[in-house]
PDB file of N, CA and C in Angstrom:
ATOM      1  N   MET A   1      21.313  27.551  23.888  1.00  0.00           N
ATOM      2  CA  MET A   1      19.866  27.682  23.383  1.00  0.00           C
ATOM      3  C   MET A   1      19.984  27.205  21.254  1.00  0.00           C
ATOM      4  N   ASN A   2      19.170  26.859  20.824  1.00  0.00           N
ATOM      5  CA  ASN A   2      19.161  26.118  19.516  1.00  0.00           C
ATOM      6  C   ASN A   2      18.124  27.325  18.453  1.00  0.00           C
ATOM      7  N   ALA A   3      18.452  27.262  17.394  1.00  0.00           N
ATOM      8  CA  ALA A   3      18.254  28.281  15.983  1.00  0.00           C
ATOM      9  C   ALA A   3      16.869  28.140  16.310  1.00  0.00           C
ATOM     10  N   LEU A   4      16.145  27.279  16.827  1.00  0.00           N
ATOM     11  CA  LEU A   4      14.696  27.388  16.714  1.00  0.00           C
ATOM     12  C   LEU A   4      14.419  28.513  17.259  1.00  0.00           C
ATOM     13  N   SER A   5      14.782  28.115  18.742  1.00  0.00           N
ATOM     14  CA  SER A   5      14.147  28.951  19.809  1.00  0.00           C
ATOM     15  C   SER A   5      14.832  30.732  19.944  1.00  0.00           C
ATOM     16  N   THR A   6      15.977  30.279  19.268  1.00  0.00           N
ATOM     17  CA  THR A   6      15.995  31.561  18.995  1.00  0.00           C
ATOM     18  C   THR A   6      15.815  32.619  18.399  1.00  0.00           C
ATOM     19  N   GLU A   7      14.661  32.278  17.249  1.00  0.00           N
ATOM     20  CA  GLU A   7      13.744  32.560  16.057  1.00  0.00           C
ATOM     21  C   GLU A   7      12.704  33.162  16.893  1.00  0.00           C
ATOM     22  N   ILE A   8      12.480  31.878  17.257  1.00  0.00           N
ATOM     23  CA  ILE A   8      11.332  33.002  18.714  1.00  0.00           C
ATOM     24  C   ILE A   8      11.448  33.552  19.346  1.00  0.00           C
ATOM     25  N   PHE A   9      12.052  33.823  19.427  1.00  0.00           N
ATOM     26  CA  PHE A   9      12.787  35.000  20.926  1.00  0.00           C
ATOM     27  C   PHE A   9      12.866  35.728  19.774  1.00  0.00           C
ATOM     28  N   LEU A  10      13.068  35.553  19.039  1.00  0.00           N
ATOM     29  CA  LEU A  10      13.575  37.363  17.788  1.00  0.00           C
ATOM     30  C   LEU A  10      12.025  38.169  17.954  1.00  0.00           C
ATOM     31  N   ALA A  11      11.629  36.555  16.969  1.00  0.00           N
ATOM     32  CA  ALA A  11      10.133  37.544  16.473  1.00  0.00           C
ATOM     33  C   ALA A  11       9.537  37.514  17.377  1.00  0.00           C
ATOM     34  N   THR A  12       9.360  37.127  18.414  1.00  0.00           N
ATOM     35  CA  THR A  12       8.210  37.228  19.619  1.00  0.00           C
ATOM     36  C   THR A  12       8.615  38.796  20.391  1.00  0.00           C
ATOM     37  N   LEU A  13      10.510  39.509  20.041  1.00  0.00           N
ATOM     38  CA  LEU A  13      10.507  40.454  20.515  1.00  0.00           C
ATOM     39  C   LEU A  13      10.339  42.008  19.860  1.00  0.00           C
ATOM     40  N   VAL A  14      10.549  41.412  18.108  1.00  0.00           N
ATOM     41  CA  VAL A  14       9.943  42.245  16.881  1.00  0.00           C
ATOM     42  C   VAL A  14       8.114  42.730  17.203  1.00  0.00           C
ATOM     43  N   TYR A  15       7.645  41.834  17.199  1.00  0.00           N
ATOM     44  CA  TYR A  15       6.400  41.541  18.128  1.00  0.00           C
ATOM     45  C   TYR A  15       6.369  42.614  19.159  1.00  0.00           C
ATOM     46  N   THR A  16       6.356  42.005  20.541  1.00  0.00           N
ATOM     47  CA  THR A  16       6.457  43.398  21.916  1.00  0.00           C
ATOM     48  C   THR A  16       6.953  43.946  20.722  1.00  0.00           C
ATOM     49  N   LEU A  17       8.018  44.632  20.744  1.00  0.00           N
ATOM     50  CA  LEU A  17       8.334  46.323  20.562  1.00  0.00           C
ATOM     51  C   LEU A  17       7.210  46.977  19.887  1.00  0.00           C
ATOM     52  N   PHE A  18       6.987  45.818  18.349  1.00  0.00           N
ATOM     53  CA  PHE A  18       5.803  46.725  17.033  1.00  0.00           C
ATOM     54  C   PHE A  18       5.052  47.572  17.889  1.00  0.00           C
ATOM     55  N   GLY A  19       3.678  46.443  19.034  1.00  0.00           N
ATOM     56  CA  GLY A  19       2.785  46.543  19.922  1.00  0.00           C
ATOM     57  C   GLY A  19       3.056  47.117  20.827  1.00  0.00           C
ATOM     58  N   LEU A  20       4.215  47.488  21.230  1.00  0.00           N
ATOM     59  CA  LEU A  20       4.768  48.800  22.374  1.00  0.00           C
ATOM     60  C   LEU A  20       4.739  50.379  21.284  1.00  0.00           C
ATOM     61  N   ALA A  21       5.075  50.600  20.529  1.00  0.00           N
ATOM     62  CA  ALA A  21       5.242  50.766  20.088  1.00  0.00           C
ATOM     63  C   ALA A  21       3.739  51.891  18.895  1.00  0.00           C
ATOM     64  N   VAL A  22       2.687  50.578  18.347  1.00  0.00           N
ATOM     65  CA  VAL A  22       1.665  51.077  18.000  1.00  0.00           C
ATOM     66  C   VAL A  22       0.484  51.677  18.897  1.00  0.00           C
ATOM     67  N   PHE A  23       0.779  51.694  20.039  1.00  0.00           N
ATOM     68  CA  PHE A  23       0.096  51.316  21.526  1.00  0.00           C
ATOM     69  C   PHE A  23       0.764  53.168  22.055  1.00  0.00           C
ATOM     70  N   GLY A  24       2.074  53.149  22.307  1.00  0.00           N
ATOM     71  CA  GLY A  24       2.468  54.845  22.069  1.00  0.00           C
ATOM     72  C   GLY A  24       1.865  56.239  21.455  1.00  0.00           C
ATOM     73  N   GLY A  25       2.091  54.940  20.391  1.00  0.00           N
ATOM     74  CA  GLY A  25       1.717  55.956  19.478  1.00  0.00           C
ATOM     75  C   GLY A  25       0.172  56.226  19.580  1.00  0.00           C
ATOM     76  N   SER A  26      -0.798  55.222  18.991  1.00  0.00           N
ATOM     77  CA  SER A  26      -2.163  55.467  19.421  1.00  0.00           C
ATOM     78  C   SER A  26      -2.587  56.676  20.933  1.00  0.00           C
ATOM     79  N   LEU A  27      -1.713  56.960  21.328  1.00  0.00           N
ATOM     80  CA  LEU A  27      -2.096  57.247  22.846  1.00  0.00           C
ATOM     81  C   LEU A  27      -1.515  58.587  22.540  1.00  0.00           C
ATOM     82  N   TYR A  28      -0.493  58.389  22.117  1.00  0.00           N
ATOM     83  CA  TYR A  28      -0.659  60.440  21.312  1.00  0.00           C
ATOM     84  C   TYR A  28      -0.669  60.658  20.673  1.00  0.00           C
ATOM     85  N   LEU A  29      -1.784  59.907  19.418  1.00  0.00           N
ATOM     86  CA  LEU A  29      -2.945  60.630  18.462  1.00  0.00           C
ATOM     87  C   LEU A  29      -3.926  61.332  19.228  1.00  0.00           C
ATOM     88  N   VAL A  30      -4.640  60.069  20.480  1.00  0.00           N
ATOM     89  CA  VAL A  30      -6.054  60.530  20.888  1.00  0.00           C
ATOM     90  C   VAL A  30      -5.338  61.322  21.359  1.00  0.00           C
ATOM     91  N   ALA A  31      -4.186  61.604  22.468  1.00  0.00           N
ATOM     92  CA  ALA A  31      -4.290  63.248  23.027  1.00  0.00           C
ATOM     93  C   ALA A  31      -3.947  64.517  22.197  1.00  0.00           C
ATOM     94  N   LEU A  32      -3.386  64.165  20.541  1.00  0.00           N
ATOM     95  CA  LEU A  32      -3.244  65.533  20.052  1.00  0.00           C
ATOM     96  C   LEU A  32      -4.452  66.118  19.437  1.00  0.00           C
ATOM     97  N   VAL A  33      -5.462  64.935  19.233  1.00  0.00           N
ATOM     98  CA  VAL A  33      -7.451  65.486  18.929  1.00  0.00           C
ATOM     99  C   VAL A  33      -7.856  65.768  19.726  1.00  0.00           C
ATOM    100  N   ALA A  34      -7.882  65.155  21.264  1.00  0.00           N
ATOM    101  CA  ALA A  34      -8.717  65.859  22.286  1.00  0.00           C
ATOM    102  C   ALA A  34      -8.449  66.948  22.683  1.00  0.00           C
ATOM    103  N   PRO A  35      -9.370  67.633  22.998  1.00  0.00           N
ATOM    104  CA  PRO A  35      -9.282  69.135  22.586  1.00  0.00           C
ATOM    105  C   PRO A  35      -8.767  68.552  24.911  1.00  0.00           C
ATOM    106  N   PHE A  36      -8.354  68.457  25.168  1.00  0.00           N
ATOM    107  CA  PHE A  36      -8.504  68.493  27.029  1.00  0.00           C
ATOM    108  C   PHE A  36      -7.045  68.026  27.021  1.00  0.00           C
ATOM    109  N   SER A  37      -6.869  67.634  28.474  1.00  0.00           N
ATOM    110  CA  SER A  37      -5.353  66.994  29.141  1.00  0.00           C
ATOM    111  C   SER A  37      -5.731  66.241  28.889  1.00  0.00           C
ATOM    112  N   ILE A  38      -6.418  64.651  28.593  1.00  0.00           N
ATOM    113  CA  ILE A  38      -5.804  63.098  29.256  1.00  0.00           C
ATOM    114  C   ILE A  38      -5.470  62.521  30.830  1.00  0.00           C
ATOM    115  N   ARG A  39      -4.897  63.437  30.719  1.00  0.00           N
ATOM    116  CA  ARG A  39      -3.661  62.936  32.370  1.00  0.00           C
ATOM    117  C   ARG A  39      -4.428  64.004  33.204  1.00  0.00           C
ATOM    118  N   LYS A  40      -4.873  65.481  32.889  1.00  0.00           N
ATOM    119  CA  LYS A  40      -6.015  65.991  33.321  1.00  0.00           C
ATOM    120  C   LYS A  40      -6.386  65.377  33.806  1.00  0.00           C
ATOM    121  N   GLU A  41      -7.821  65.059  33.048  1.00  0.00           N
ATOM    122  CA  GLU A  41      -8.877  64.130  33.291  1.00  0.00           C
ATOM    123  C   GLU A  41      -8.740  62.822  34.410  1.00  0.00           C
ATOM    124  N   ILE A  42      -7.941  61.642  34.042  1.00  0.00           N
ATOM    125  CA  ILE A  42      -8.450  59.980  34.242  1.00  0.00           C
ATOM    126  C   ILE A  42      -7.461  60.570  36.172  1.00  0.00           C
ATOM    127  N   GLU A  43      -6.107  61.887  35.884  1.00  0.00           N
ATOM    128  CA  GLU A  43      -5.231  61.992  36.963  1.00  0.00           C
ATOM    129  C   GLU A  43      -6.174  62.906  38.276  1.00  0.00           C
ATOM    130  N   GLU A  44      -6.403  63.598  37.269  1.00  0.00           N
ATOM    131  CA  GLU A  44      -7.343  65.110  38.811  1.00  0.00           C
ATOM    132  C   GLU A  44      -8.496  65.000  38.747  1.00  0.00           C
ATOM    133  N   ASP A  45      -9.366  65.721  37.963  1.00  0.00           N
ATOM    134  CA  ASP A  45      -9.873  64.910  37.780  1.00  0.00           C
ATOM    135  C   ASP A  45     -11.036  63.560  38.101  1.00  0.00           C
ATOM    136  N   GLN A  46     -10.218  62.979  37.949  1.00  0.00           N
ATOM    137  CA  GLN A  46     -10.754  61.310  38.104  1.00  0.00           C
ATOM    138  C   GLN A  46     -12.064  60.672  37.217  1.00  0.00           C
ATOM    139  N   ASN A  47     -11.942  60.593  35.780  1.00  0.00           N
ATOM    140  CA  ASN A  47     -12.274  60.635  34.521  1.00  0.00           C
ATOM    141  C   ASN A  47     -12.836  59.697  34.938  1.00  0.00           C
ATOM    142  N   THR A  48     -13.872  58.405  35.188  1.00  0.00           N
ATOM    143  CA  THR A  48     -13.763  57.207  35.215  1.00  0.00           C
ATOM    144  C   THR A  48     -13.764  57.157  33.767  1.00  0.00           C
ATOM    145  N   ALA A  49     -15.135  57.475  32.906  1.00  0.00           N
ATOM    146  CA  ALA A  49     -15.176  56.852  32.092  1.00  0.00           C
ATOM    147  C   ALA A  49     -14.315  57.357  30.752  1.00  0.00           C
ATOM    148  N   LEU A  50     -13.512  57.983  31.090  1.00  0.00           N
ATOM    149  CA  LEU A  50     -12.287  58.447  29.940  1.00  0.00           C
ATOM    150  C   LEU A  50     -11.301  56.935  30.370  1.00  0.00           C
ATOM    151  N   GLY A  51     -11.120  56.912  31.182  1.00  0.00           N
ATOM    152  CA  GLY A  51      -9.788  55.714  31.372  1.00  0.00           C
ATOM    153  C   GLY A  51     -10.822  54.898  31.103  1.00  0.00           C
ATOM    154  N   ILE A  52     -11.681  53.756  31.016  1.00  0.00           N
ATOM    155  CA  ILE A  52     -12.361  53.256  30.027  1.00  0.00           C
ATOM    156  C   ILE A  52     -12.716  53.089  29.066  1.00  0.00           C
ATOM    157  N   MET A  53     -12.320  54.415  27.960  1.00  0.00           N
ATOM    158  CA  MET A  53     -12.774  54.640  26.820  1.00  0.00           C
ATOM    159  C   MET A  53     -11.061  54.503  26.142  1.00  0.00           C
ATOM    160  N   ILE A  54     -10.144  54.603  27.209  1.00  0.00           N
ATOM    161  CA  ILE A  54      -8.838  54.125  26.791  1.00  0.00           C
ATOM    162  C   ILE A  54      -8.630  53.062  26.775  1.00  0.00           C
ATOM    163  N   GLY A  55      -8.518  52.438  28.105  1.00  0.00           N
ATOM    164  CA  GLY A  55      -8.409  51.255  28.241  1.00  0.00           C
ATOM    165  C   GLY A  55      -9.222  50.275  26.915  1.00  0.00           C
ATOM    166  N   ALA A  56     -10.595  50.770  26.247  1.00  0.00           N
ATOM    167  CA  ALA A  56     -10.909  49.706  25.483  1.00  0.00           C
ATOM    168  C   ALA A  56     -10.604  50.330  24.651  1.00  0.00           C
ATOM    169  N   MET A  57      -9.867  51.652  24.252  1.00  0.00           N
ATOM    170  CA  MET A  57      -9.090  51.637  23.309  1.00  0.00           C
ATOM    171  C   MET A  57      -7.782  50.878  23.689  1.00  0.00           C
ATOM    172  N   PHE A  58      -7.358  50.445  24.481  1.00  0.00           N
ATOM    173  CA  PHE A  58      -6.009  49.748  23.731  1.00  0.00           C
ATOM    174  C   PHE A  58      -6.459  48.771  23.708  1.00  0.00           C
ATOM    175  N   VAL A  59      -7.621  47.198  24.389  1.00  0.00           N
ATOM    176  CA  VAL A  59      -7.740  46.228  24.749  1.00  0.00           C
ATOM    177  C   VAL A  59      -8.664  46.062  22.739  1.00  0.00           C
ATOM    178  N   GLY A  60      -9.293  46.864  22.185  1.00  0.00           N
ATOM    179  CA  GLY A  60      -9.123  46.804  20.689  1.00  0.00           C
ATOM    180  C   GLY A  60      -7.564  47.183  19.882  1.00  0.00           C
ATOM    181  N   ILE A  61      -6.438  47.782  19.351  1.00  0.00           N
ATOM    182  CA  ILE A  61      -5.512  47.187  19.481  1.00  0.00           C
ATOM    183  C   ILE A  61      -4.854  45.929  19.573  1.00  0.00           C
ATOM    184  N   ALA A  62      -4.509  45.901  20.846  1.00  0.00           N
ATOM    185  CA  ALA A  62      -3.962  43.920  21.206  1.00  0.00           C
ATOM    186  C   ALA A  62      -4.669  42.967  20.314  1.00  0.00           C
ATOM    187  N   LEU A  63      -6.621  43.321  19.939  1.00  0.00           N
ATOM    188  CA  LEU A  63      -6.905  42.507  20.038  1.00  0.00           C
ATOM    189  C   LEU A  63      -6.372  42.754  18.067  1.00  0.00           C
ATOM    190  N   ILE A  64      -6.656  43.917  17.529  1.00  0.00           N
ATOM    191  CA  ILE A  64      -5.599  43.706  15.739  1.00  0.00           C
ATOM    192  C   ILE A  64      -4.886  43.191  16.332  1.00  0.00           C
ATOM    193  N   ILE A  65      -3.220  42.996  17.227  1.00  0.00           N
ATOM    194  CA  ILE A  65      -2.179  42.878  16.882  1.00  0.00           C
ATOM    195  C   ILE A  65      -2.044  41.238  17.297  1.00  0.00           C
ATOM    196  N   ALA A  66      -2.780  40.490  17.445  1.00  0.00           N
ATOM    197  CA  ALA A  66      -3.253  38.953  18.277  1.00  0.00           C
ATOM    198  C   ALA A  66      -3.336  38.348  16.384  1.00  0.00           C
ATOM    199  N   ALA A  67      -4.732  39.155  16.799  1.00  0.00           N
ATOM    200  CA  ALA A  67      -5.301  38.811  15.178  1.00  0.00           C
ATOM    201  C   ALA A  67      -3.608  38.146  14.191  1.00  0.00           C
ATOM    202  N   ALA A  68      -3.066  39.999  13.742  1.00  0.00           N
ATOM    203  CA  ALA A  68      -2.227  39.990  12.808  1.00  0.00           C
ATOM    204  C   ALA A  68      -0.990  39.131  12.703  1.00  0.00           C
ATOM    205  N   ILE A  69      -0.709  39.161  14.193  1.00  0.00           N
ATOM    206  CA  ILE A  69       0.184  37.745  14.502  1.00  0.00           C
ATOM    207  C   ILE A  69      -0.167  36.538  14.485  1.00  0.00           C
ATOM    208  N   GLY A  70      -1.314  36.508  14.519  1.00  0.00           N
ATOM    209  CA  GLY A  70      -2.054  34.292  14.857  1.00  0.00           C
ATOM    210  C   GLY A  70      -1.902  34.739  13.026  1.00  0.00           C
ATOM    211  N   GLY A  71      -2.736  35.565  12.619  1.00  0.00           N
ATOM    212  CA  GLY A  71      -3.062  35.000  10.710  1.00  0.00           C
ATOM    213  C   GLY A  71      -4.383  34.518  11.180  1.00  0.00           C
TER     214      GLY A  71
END
């Protein structure tokens, strides 16, 4: 590998780890603030609306991260 491809690989790795940390932190924050168990609502009670809400939150965060990376 040349220097440019190594630099691109490292940048991709950093942004991937940053994105995963933001996703994990946001899910933890929502679980902390919610007055109910998110896991129980989605897995046991089959709460589709909550699943869609969490998915939409992840898509929104992904768009923000993509805009930050792209400039």
